[in-house]
Amino acid sequence: MLLRSDPQLRQGTFNNNPLKTTRLIEEIEKIARRAGEIVKAHYSQGVAHEFKSARQVTTSADKESEQLLKEGLLKIYACGFYGEEEGGAISRNGDHWVVDPLDGTENMNGYPPLLAVSIGLLRDRKPVLGVIYDPIHETLYSAQEGTQVRVNGEITSVCPQTDPAKAIVALDFSSRMDTRPQTLQQLARVLERARAVKIFGAPALSLAEVAAGRLDLFFRPSTKLSDMVAGICMVRESGGKAVDYGGRDWTINSNGVLAGSSEMVEAYLPCFR
């Protein structure tokens, strides 16, 4: 059952008033921080995982965080909801929250300590808002369509680096085994060009770092909605591009994502064709 939204933040109104938009973003950031507290507490104490598929795990932290996100977000703005743990339906029109309550679950009991809470908003299937919070390093990324990306309140943008040979590229492998041979071939081509390649194991956080200008490029073969929506919004609002492996603008139906500055995307796109 959807909770009633604040009358001042209802669909069709908040995007038309900067003050109301700012208020909405601030409320979402508070919710992201609260979910991050759950994630950090479980990380500090250690948490057991269980398999939800052959190669995907979940923890009690994922579930507790998603429940908090669902209750908090639907309270401030009642619309559709899609979560990494519970799933959901995305209709062709209207607004939908899309959340990953714990990006980087595989990192919970190991290294590196890279974890995030990801909150995105789809409007008519287009990413229009994103908030990503890294609770371990207390870093908050936020963006909304038509505004600039902020990291802990400071305006940022994609890296101005234009030389492919100096690029720092990040990737994330899919849990789908059928994608891995192709990903390895693509990685081999990327390694021939890039200065360095990194794997965070947290795709939403990787996209946020592209938007913050600390990574030049990110790629991933399969694009789960909960991993992508917030980060894709950020990359685009920071002046970057997010496309599929064919060079077409990324959509929620895309297979594969390549995100970075326009120059970097164009320079590396041949590696994926």
Foldseek 3Di string as FASTA:
>chain_A
DFADADPCQEPPHQVVDVVSVVVLQVLLQVLFLVLLVLLVVCLVVDWDWDDPDPQDIDTVSQVVQVVSNRNSNSHNYNDAEAEPVPGGDDDQAAKYKFWRSWFQPVPSHHDDLFIKIKIFMAGSQATFWIWIAGSVVGWIWIDGPPDAIDIVRHGAAAAPDQQQQAFEEEEEEDSDPVCVVLVVQLVVVSVVRYPYYYYPSGQLVVLRCRGRHNGAKYKYFADDPNRPRRSQNSLVNRQKAKAALVRHGDTNPGGMIMIHHPSNCVVSSVSRD
